[in-house]
C-alpha atoms as a PDB file:
ATOM      1  CA  UNK A   1      -0.068   0.027   0.059  1.00  0.00           C
ATOM      2  CA  UNK A   2       1.527   3.122  -1.056  1.00  0.00           C
ATOM      3  CA  UNK A   3       1.543   6.496   1.276  1.00  0.00           C
ATOM      4  CA  UNK A   4      -1.125   8.013  -1.014  1.00  0.00           C
ATOM      5  CA  UNK A   5      -3.376   5.107  -0.649  1.00  0.00           C
ATOM      6  CA  UNK A   6      -2.994   5.263   3.153  1.00  0.00           C
ATOM      7  CA  UNK A   7      -3.763   8.809   3.281  1.00  0.00           C
ATOM      8  CA  UNK A   8      -6.829   8.525   0.976  1.00  0.00           C
ATOM      9  CA  UNK A   9      -8.081   5.573   3.141  1.00  0.00           C
ATOM     10  CA  UNK A  10      -7.766   7.577   6.228  1.00  0.00           C
ATOM     11  CA  UNK A  11      -9.509  10.637   4.852  1.00  0.00           C
ATOM     12  CA  UNK A  12     -12.473   8.176   3.575  1.00  0.00           C
ATOM     13  CA  UNK A  13     -12.497   6.732   7.268  1.00  0.00           C
ATOM     14  CA  UNK A  14     -12.754  10.440   8.690  1.00  0.00           C
ATOM     15  CA  UNK A  15     -15.709  11.185   6.265  1.00  0.00           C
ATOM     16  CA  UNK A  16     -17.589   7.957   7.386  1.00  0.00           C
ATOM     17  CA  UNK A  17     -17.112   8.457  10.914  1.00  0.00           C
ATOM     18  CA  UNK A  18     -18.299  12.102  10.993  1.00  0.00           C
ATOM     19  CA  UNK A  19     -21.215  11.076   8.817  1.00  0.00           C
ATOM     20  CA  UNK A  20     -22.106   8.366  11.087  1.00  0.00           C
ATOM     21  CA  UNK A  21     -21.983  10.567  14.168  1.00  0.00           C
ATOM     22  CA  UNK A  22     -24.132  13.171  12.312  1.00  0.00           C
ATOM     23  CA  UNK A  23     -26.775  10.640  11.557  1.00  0.00           C
ATOM     24  CA  UNK A  24     -26.725   9.455  15.158  1.00  0.00           C
ATOM     25  CA  UNK A  25     -26.838  13.051  16.562  1.00  0.00           C
ATOM     26  CA  UNK A  26     -23.323  12.233  18.267  1.00  0.00           C
ATOM     27  CA  UNK A  27     -20.084  13.861  18.519  1.00  0.00           C
ATOM     28  CA  UNK A  28     -16.489  12.374  19.188  1.00  0.00           C
ATOM     29  CA  UNK A  29     -16.563  13.251  22.761  1.00  0.00           C
ATOM     30  CA  UNK A  30     -19.582  11.075  23.312  1.00  0.00           C
ATOM     31  CA  UNK A  31     -18.280   8.409  20.872  1.00  0.00           C
ATOM     32  CA  UNK A  32     -15.079   8.389  22.836  1.00  0.00           C
ATOM     33  CA  UNK A  33     -16.741   7.717  26.212  1.00  0.00           C
ATOM     34  CA  UNK A  34     -19.069   4.870  24.502  1.00  0.00           C
ATOM     35  CA  UNK A  35     -15.916   3.020  23.316  1.00  0.00           C
ATOM     36  CA  UNK A  36     -14.011   3.622  26.525  1.00  0.00           C
ATOM     37  CA  UNK A  37     -11.226   5.929  25.305  1.00  0.00           C
ATOM     38  CA  UNK A  38     -10.305   9.586  25.783  1.00  0.00           C
ATOM     39  CA  UNK A  39     -11.377  12.092  23.105  1.00  0.00           C
ATOM     40  CA  UNK A  40      -7.707  12.999  22.570  1.00  0.00           C
ATOM     41  CA  UNK A  41      -6.801   9.168  21.721  1.00  0.00           C
ATOM     42  CA  UNK A  42      -9.790   8.873  19.710  1.00  0.00           C
ATOM     43  CA  UNK A  43      -9.097  12.071  18.013  1.00  0.00           C
ATOM     44  CA  UNK A  44      -5.480  10.938  17.139  1.00  0.00           C
ATOM     45  CA  UNK A  45      -6.547   7.497  16.033  1.00  0.00           C
ATOM     46  CA  UNK A  46      -9.177   8.820  13.574  1.00  0.00           C
ATOM     47  CA  UNK A  47      -7.226  12.018  12.279  1.00  0.00           C
ATOM     48  CA  UNK A  48      -3.719  10.529  11.912  1.00  0.00           C
ATOM     49  CA  UNK A  49      -2.306   8.084   9.539  1.00  0.00           C
ATOM     50  CA  UNK A  50      -0.831   5.780  12.372  1.00  0.00           C
ATOM     51  CA  UNK A  51      -0.588   2.269  11.967  1.00  0.00           C
ATOM     52  CA  UNK A  52       0.394   1.548  15.454  1.00  0.00           C
ATOM     53  CA  UNK A  53      -1.544  -1.270  17.422  1.00  0.00           C
ATOM     54  CA  UNK A  54      -3.233   1.265  19.799  1.00  0.00           C
ATOM     55  CA  UNK A  55      -4.743   3.343  16.892  1.00  0.00           C
ATOM     56  CA  UNK A  56      -5.476   0.334  14.979  1.00  0.00           C
ATOM     57  CA  UNK A  57      -7.578  -1.119  17.962  1.00  0.00           C
ATOM     58  CA  UNK A  58      -9.452   2.225  18.364  1.00  0.00           C
ATOM     59  CA  UNK A  59     -10.388   2.401  15.011  1.00  0.00           C
ATOM     60  CA  UNK A  60     -11.612  -0.897  15.167  1.00  0.00           C
ATOM     61  CA  UNK A  61     -13.830  -0.275  18.025  1.00  0.00           C
ATOM     62  CA  UNK A  62     -15.069   2.821  15.943  1.00  0.00           C
ATOM     63  CA  UNK A  63     -15.861   0.682  12.959  1.00  0.00           C
ATOM     64  CA  UNK A  64     -17.684  -1.850  15.367  1.00  0.00           C
ATOM     65  CA  UNK A  65     -19.569   0.570  17.088  1.00  0.00           C
ATOM     66  CA  UNK A  66     -20.685   2.786  14.090  1.00  0.00           C
ATOM     67  CA  UNK A  67     -21.193  -0.479  12.047  1.00  0.00           C
ATOM     68  CA  UNK A  68     -18.523   0.848   9.470  1.00  0.00           C
ATOM     69  CA  UNK A  69     -17.493  -1.898   7.125  1.00  0.00           C
ATOM     70  CA  UNK A  70     -13.812  -1.903   5.421  1.00  0.00           C
END
């Protein structure tokens, strides 16, 4: 996977998360609370292109909670 592909996928993920939150009348702070992480960790996992295990685990929980498929 090229760097551009990673960036494009991350941007698409951000859009999907924000759309789901809007549809549910939620914000990221509420989402963070629901999945058991701080808002800072959630924002870092969503907004960064990080591939570390912590960010990947948080993004997985976000996908599961919001029913976002890969």
